[in-house]
Amino acid sequence: MRRLTIRFDDETYEALKQEAQERRVSMSHVVRKLVQERVGPRRVRPRRYEHFTFIGSGDSGPRDDDALYPISENHDEAFVEAVVAGLRDKVARFEAEGFSIYRADSGGV
């Protein structure tokens, strides 16, 4: 963090002091937060396509059982499939440990 000297008129200084006391923080903290809200983080310039030479460099290729190929076009479906498979595994482990899982489609516990 860098140090900076700022001069305030008496009225602004007292208002800042009161704000810091009400929040129970330092005056520096109040000033930093106000400046961050106003200025915010600097935006990073978007990079150009040439910077991403790795795009298209690999190909997992279709498998016989891979209905989601190409993943780049079916990523949402692939994500849902992975989440559902993970949930099924968790349910199976819970049930194997003797826990009961309520299933809405089965009408009960």
Protein backbone atom coordinates (compact mmCIF):
# COMPACT_ATOMS: atom_id res chain seq x y z
CA MET A 1 0.00 0.00 0.00
CA ARG A 2 1.27 3.49 -0.79
CA ARG A 3 1.12 6.53 1.44
CA LEU A 4 -0.52 9.77 0.31
CA THR A 5 -1.01 13.11 2.03
CA ILE A 6 -4.39 14.76 1.51
CA ARG A 7 -5.53 18.14 2.79
CA PHE A 8 -9.17 18.76 3.79
CA ASP A 9 -10.95 21.90 4.86
CA ASP A 10 -12.13 21.83 8.50
CA GLU A 11 -15.75 20.98 7.65
CA THR A 12 -14.80 18.01 5.46
CA TYR A 13 -12.27 16.80 8.01
CA GLU A 14 -14.86 16.84 10.81
CA ALA A 15 -17.42 15.03 8.63
CA LEU A 16 -14.81 12.39 7.78
CA LYS A 17 -13.84 12.03 11.43
CA GLN A 18 -17.49 11.59 12.45
CA GLU A 19 -18.09 9.01 9.71
CA ALA A 20 -15.06 7.01 10.86
CA GLN A 21 -16.22 7.12 14.49
CA GLU A 22 -19.72 5.97 13.57
CA ARG A 23 -18.35 3.06 11.57
CA ARG A 24 -15.67 2.38 14.22
CA VAL A 25 -12.91 2.39 11.63
CA SER A 26 -9.99 4.67 10.87
CA MET A 27 -10.35 7.81 8.80
CA SER A 28 -7.92 6.27 6.31
CA HIS A 29 -10.23 3.29 5.91
CA VAL A 30 -13.20 5.56 5.12
CA VAL A 31 -11.17 7.49 2.56
CA ARG A 32 -9.87 4.28 0.93
CA LYS A 33 -13.39 2.84 0.64
CA LEU A 34 -14.81 6.04 -0.82
CA VAL A 35 -12.00 6.26 -3.38
CA GLN A 36 -12.41 2.57 -4.29
CA GLU A 37 -16.15 3.07 -4.82
CA ARG A 38 -15.57 6.11 -7.00
CA VAL A 39 -12.54 5.03 -8.99
CA GLY A 40 -12.88 1.24 -8.73
CA PRO A 41 -10.46 -1.28 -10.14
CA ARG A 42 -9.01 -0.51 -13.52
CA ARG A 43 -10.39 -2.49 -16.39
CA VAL A 44 -8.02 -4.78 -18.20
CA ARG A 45 -8.00 -4.25 -21.92
CA PRO A 46 -9.43 -7.23 -23.77
CA ARG A 47 -6.76 -9.27 -25.44
CA ARG A 48 -6.64 -9.88 -29.12
CA TYR A 49 -7.30 -13.22 -30.74
CA GLU A 50 -3.62 -13.58 -31.64
CA HIS A 51 -2.80 -13.88 -27.92
CA PHE A 52 -4.81 -17.08 -27.69
CA THR A 53 -2.81 -19.30 -30.01
CA PHE A 54 -3.77 -22.37 -27.99
CA ILE A 55 -7.40 -22.18 -29.19
CA GLY A 56 -8.12 -25.15 -31.39
CA SER A 57 -4.76 -26.75 -30.62
CA GLY A 58 -6.29 -29.90 -29.16
CA ASP A 59 -9.00 -32.26 -30.22
CA SER A 60 -10.42 -34.90 -27.94
CA GLY A 61 -12.22 -36.39 -30.92
CA PRO A 62 -15.55 -38.16 -30.84
CA ARG A 63 -15.94 -41.50 -29.12
CA ASP A 64 -18.47 -44.07 -30.24
CA ASP A 65 -20.65 -43.43 -27.16
CA ASP A 66 -20.15 -39.65 -27.07
CA ALA A 67 -23.45 -38.05 -28.04
CA LEU A 68 -22.23 -34.73 -26.66
CA TYR A 69 -19.40 -34.33 -29.18
CA PRO A 70 -18.29 -31.66 -29.87
CA ILE A 71 -18.21 -30.47 -26.27
CA SER A 72 -17.59 -26.88 -27.41
CA GLU A 73 -21.11 -26.85 -28.84
CA ASN A 74 -22.78 -28.99 -26.17
CA HIS A 75 -21.05 -27.76 -23.00
CA ASP A 76 -24.30 -27.05 -21.11
CA GLU A 77 -25.58 -30.56 -21.64
CA ALA A 78 -22.20 -32.03 -20.72
CA PHE A 79 -22.16 -29.99 -17.50
CA VAL A 80 -25.65 -31.16 -16.51
CA GLU A 81 -24.71 -34.76 -17.32
CA ALA A 82 -21.61 -34.51 -15.10
CA VAL A 83 -23.55 -32.93 -12.21
CA VAL A 84 -26.32 -35.54 -12.39
CA ALA A 85 -23.76 -38.37 -12.50
CA GLY A 86 -22.03 -36.91 -9.44
CA LEU A 87 -25.32 -36.62 -7.56
CA ARG A 88 -26.22 -40.20 -8.41
CA ASP A 89 -22.86 -41.33 -6.99
CA LYS A 90 -23.46 -39.37 -3.77
CA VAL A 91 -26.96 -40.79 -3.35
CA ALA A 92 -25.63 -44.31 -3.89
CA ARG A 93 -22.93 -43.75 -1.25
CA PHE A 94 -25.45 -42.35 1.28
CA GLU A 95 -27.80 -45.26 0.69
CA ALA A 96 -24.91 -47.73 1.00
CA GLU A 97 -24.17 -46.23 4.43
CA GLY A 98 -27.77 -46.81 5.49
CA PHE A 99 -29.15 -43.31 5.01
CA SER A 100 -32.52 -42.84 3.39
CA ILE A 101 -32.86 -40.37 0.52
CA TYR A 102 -36.25 -38.85 -0.28
CA ARG A 103 -36.97 -39.10 -3.96
CA ALA A 104 -39.78 -36.96 -5.28
CA ASP A 105 -40.35 -39.23 -8.26
CA SER A 106 -40.79 -42.35 -6.09
CA GLY A 107 -43.49 -40.82 -3.90
CA GLY A 108 -41.74 -41.34 -0.62
CA VAL A 109 -38.67 -42.18 1.33
